[in-house]
Protein backbone atom coordinates (compact mmCIF):
# COMPACT_ATOMS: atom_id res chain seq x y z
CA GLU A 1 -144.44 60.20 31.65
CA ALA A 2 -144.15 62.20 28.39
CA LYS A 3 -140.31 61.77 28.61
CA GLN A 4 -140.47 58.10 29.17
CA LYS A 5 -142.72 57.64 26.19
CA ASP A 6 -140.33 59.59 23.93
CA VAL A 7 -137.41 57.60 25.29
CA SER A 8 -139.12 54.26 24.77
CA ILE A 9 -139.90 55.27 21.10
CA CYS A 10 -136.12 55.55 20.65
CA PHE A 11 -135.29 52.06 21.80
CA PHE A 12 -138.25 50.24 20.19
CA GLU A 13 -139.11 49.89 16.56
CA GLU A 14 -141.81 52.11 15.30
CA GLU A 15 -145.07 50.32 14.86
CA GLU A 16 -145.73 49.58 11.14
CA GLU A 17 -148.89 50.57 9.49
CA PRO A 18 -151.28 47.63 9.17
CA GLN A 19 -150.85 46.13 5.70
CA SER A 20 -153.64 45.13 3.45
CA LEU A 21 -154.20 41.41 2.68
CA GLN A 22 -152.64 41.78 -0.72
CA GLU A 23 -149.47 43.40 0.65
CA ARG A 24 -149.05 40.76 3.46
CA SER A 25 -149.46 37.92 0.83
CA LYS A 26 -146.98 39.56 -1.53
CA GLU A 27 -144.53 39.79 1.35
CA LYS A 28 -145.13 36.21 2.44
CA LEU A 29 -144.75 35.07 -1.24
CA ARG A 30 -141.45 37.04 -1.55
CA ARG A 31 -140.18 35.39 1.61
CA MET A 32 -141.16 31.83 0.50
CA VAL A 33 -139.42 32.34 -2.87
CA GLU A 34 -136.24 33.57 -1.02
CA MET A 35 -136.35 30.67 1.31
CA GLU A 36 -136.75 28.25 -1.74
CA VAL A 37 -133.74 29.77 -3.52
CA ARG A 38 -131.61 29.49 -0.32
CA LEU A 39 -132.72 25.81 0.03
CA ALA A 40 -131.90 25.13 -3.69
CA LYS A 41 -128.42 26.59 -3.18
CA TYR A 42 -127.89 24.54 -0.04
CA ALA A 43 -129.07 21.33 -1.77
CA ARG A 44 -126.66 22.03 -4.65
CA GLN A 45 -123.78 22.47 -2.22
CA LEU A 46 -124.68 19.16 -0.58
CA CYS A 47 -124.85 17.43 -3.89
CA GLU A 48 -121.29 18.75 -4.78
CA TYR A 49 -120.01 17.48 -1.34
CA ALA A 50 -121.73 14.12 -1.89
CA ALA A 51 -120.11 13.76 -5.32
CA ARG A 52 -116.70 14.47 -3.94
CA LEU A 53 -117.23 11.83 -1.12
CA GLU A 54 -118.41 9.27 -3.71
CA LYS A 55 -115.29 9.88 -5.78
CA LEU A 56 -113.18 9.39 -2.70
CA ARG A 57 -114.92 6.25 -1.88
CA PHE A 58 -114.25 5.07 -5.52
CA VAL A 59 -110.47 5.76 -5.18
CA CYS A 60 -110.19 4.45 -1.50
CA THR A 61 -112.03 1.16 -2.30
CA LEU A 62 -109.54 0.37 -5.11
CA GLN A 63 -112.28 -0.08 -7.70
CA ASP A 64 -109.80 1.24 -10.25
CA PRO A 65 -106.44 0.08 -9.08
CA TYR A 66 -104.37 2.36 -11.37
CA VAL A 67 -106.18 5.52 -10.26
CA SER A 68 -105.93 4.27 -6.69
CA MET A 69 -102.22 3.63 -7.08
CA LEU A 70 -101.55 6.93 -8.58
CA TYR A 71 -103.40 8.92 -5.84
CA GLY A 72 -102.00 6.72 -3.09
CA GLY A 73 -98.39 7.40 -4.40
CA THR A 74 -99.06 11.07 -4.53
CA ALA A 75 -100.31 10.99 -0.97
CA LEU A 76 -97.31 8.97 0.11
CA GLY A 77 -95.09 11.42 -1.67
CA LEU A 78 -96.57 14.33 -0.03
CA ALA A 79 -96.33 12.59 3.45
CA VAL A 80 -92.65 11.88 2.88
CA VAL A 81 -91.89 15.44 1.74
CA ALA A 82 -93.75 16.82 4.93
CA MET A 83 -91.85 14.31 7.11
CA VAL A 84 -88.54 15.42 5.63
CA PHE A 85 -89.50 19.08 6.13
CA PHE A 86 -90.34 18.54 9.79
CA TRP A 87 -87.25 16.39 10.32
CA VAL A 88 -85.12 19.19 9.04
CA LEU A 89 -87.01 21.62 11.14
CA SER A 90 -86.28 19.43 14.21
CA TRP A 91 -82.60 20.09 13.86
CA LEU A 92 -83.14 23.64 15.17
CA PRO A 93 -81.79 24.21 18.75
CA LEU A 94 -84.21 23.74 21.58
CA GLY A 95 -86.67 21.81 19.39
CA ILE A 96 -88.54 24.94 18.37
CA GLY A 97 -88.51 24.10 14.72
CA PRO A 98 -91.93 22.41 14.27
CA SER A 99 -93.56 25.10 16.33
CA LEU A 100 -92.16 27.82 13.92
CA VAL A 101 -94.44 26.64 11.02
CA PRO A 102 -97.81 27.70 12.65
CA LEU A 103 -96.15 30.75 14.21
CA GLY A 104 -94.88 31.79 10.81
CA LEU A 105 -98.33 31.35 9.18
CA GLY A 106 -99.98 33.39 11.99
CA ILE A 107 -97.41 36.16 11.66
CA ALA A 108 -98.04 36.26 7.96
CA ALA A 109 -101.73 36.27 8.40
CA LEU A 110 -101.59 39.13 10.89
CA LEU A 111 -99.30 41.38 8.93
CA PRO A 112 -100.73 44.75 7.84
CA ASP A 113 -102.23 44.90 4.41
CA ALA A 114 -99.21 46.65 2.88
CA ARG A 115 -96.83 43.96 4.08
CA GLN A 116 -99.20 41.21 3.01
CA GLU A 117 -99.18 42.77 -0.43
CA GLN A 118 -95.41 42.70 -0.47
CA LEU A 119 -95.36 39.10 0.67
CA ARG A 120 -97.80 38.22 -2.19
CA LEU A 121 -95.65 39.87 -4.75
CA LEU A 122 -92.54 38.09 -3.39
CA VAL A 123 -94.37 34.74 -3.68
CA LEU A 124 -95.39 35.68 -7.23
CA GLN A 125 -91.95 36.57 -8.24
CA ALA A 126 -90.62 33.28 -6.79
CA LYS A 127 -93.26 31.44 -8.83
CA GLN A 128 -92.31 33.30 -11.97
CA ILE A 129 -88.61 32.44 -11.37
CA LYS A 130 -89.57 28.83 -10.82
CA GLU A 131 -91.65 28.71 -14.12
CA LYS A 132 -88.78 30.43 -15.96
CA HIS A 133 -86.10 27.90 -14.82
CA LEU A 134 -88.23 24.74 -14.42
CA GLY A 135 -91.18 25.28 -16.67
CA PRO A 136 -94.95 25.42 -15.81
CA ASP A 137 -96.33 23.12 -13.17
CA ARG A 138 -97.73 20.00 -14.59
CA LEU A 139 -98.40 17.77 -11.66
CA PHE A 140 -101.31 19.58 -10.10
CA PRO A 141 -103.23 20.05 -13.33
CA GLY A 142 -102.64 16.50 -14.38
CA LEU A 143 -103.99 15.28 -11.01
CA LEU A 144 -106.90 17.55 -11.36
CA ASN A 145 -107.86 16.29 -14.89
CA LEU A 146 -107.49 12.71 -13.55
CA TRP A 147 -109.74 13.58 -10.67
CA ARG A 148 -112.29 14.75 -13.07
CA ARG A 149 -112.24 11.35 -14.74
CA VAL A 150 -112.91 9.40 -11.45
CA PRO A 151 -116.64 8.31 -11.65
CA ASP A 152 -119.02 9.75 -9.14
CA GLY A 153 -121.85 7.74 -7.53
CA PRO A 154 -124.21 6.96 -10.44
CA GLU A 155 -121.30 6.12 -12.74
CA ALA A 156 -119.57 3.88 -10.19
CA ALA A 157 -123.01 2.19 -9.48
CA HIS A 158 -123.32 1.43 -13.34
CA TRP A 159 -119.72 0.04 -13.19
CA GLU A 160 -120.53 -2.23 -10.27
CA LEU A 161 -123.76 -3.45 -12.08
CA PHE A 162 -121.80 -4.16 -15.07
CA GLN A 163 -119.24 -6.14 -13.17
CA GLY A 164 -121.79 -8.05 -11.14
CA HIS A 165 -124.43 -8.89 -13.84
CA VAL A 166 -122.93 -8.75 -17.29
CA LEU A 167 -121.43 -12.07 -18.50
CA LEU A 168 -118.77 -11.67 -21.19
CA PRO A 169 -117.61 -14.56 -23.17
CA LEU A 170 -114.10 -15.94 -22.30
CA PRO A 171 -111.54 -14.95 -24.70
CA ASN A 172 -110.90 -17.80 -27.19
CA ASN A 173 -107.31 -18.53 -28.10
CA LYS A 174 -108.37 -20.18 -31.24
CA LYS A 175 -107.99 -18.28 -34.47
CA PRO A 176 -111.23 -18.18 -36.56
CA ALA A 177 -111.32 -20.48 -39.56
């Protein structure tokens, strides 16, 4: 029986000493504060996602036709580029072209660290050569700045209220006397 007790002590946690009321309340307060901080971080992330969805709703519902046309044109352009890329890949024999894309990405992800570093350096060199000959990338930063100007939920709601409830005088073609 003595050996069984010794073995059971190894597998189970040691019993903690009874804590005083003050120590237990401090521990519970610490846990409560940690939970509150985690909930605040989670709520902040949810608010960021909600703001992104509200911006997407603003663009997709064509509330600003120019911004919607610009993002729609960009999405259409990306779709055409992807379609041409896969069309060129379909020219490979036995129709293996389109399946090479995920295979290549998987192989690149599973490379040893040294080879992944070489691949990163190769991509950085290609980017530097591109910037040297074609200049810096202006499309993505421009779209990102335009995305920042798209109103989120409260701003879009103010715009909808303004459109629905503010009456502006019709422009008068007469010149003032």
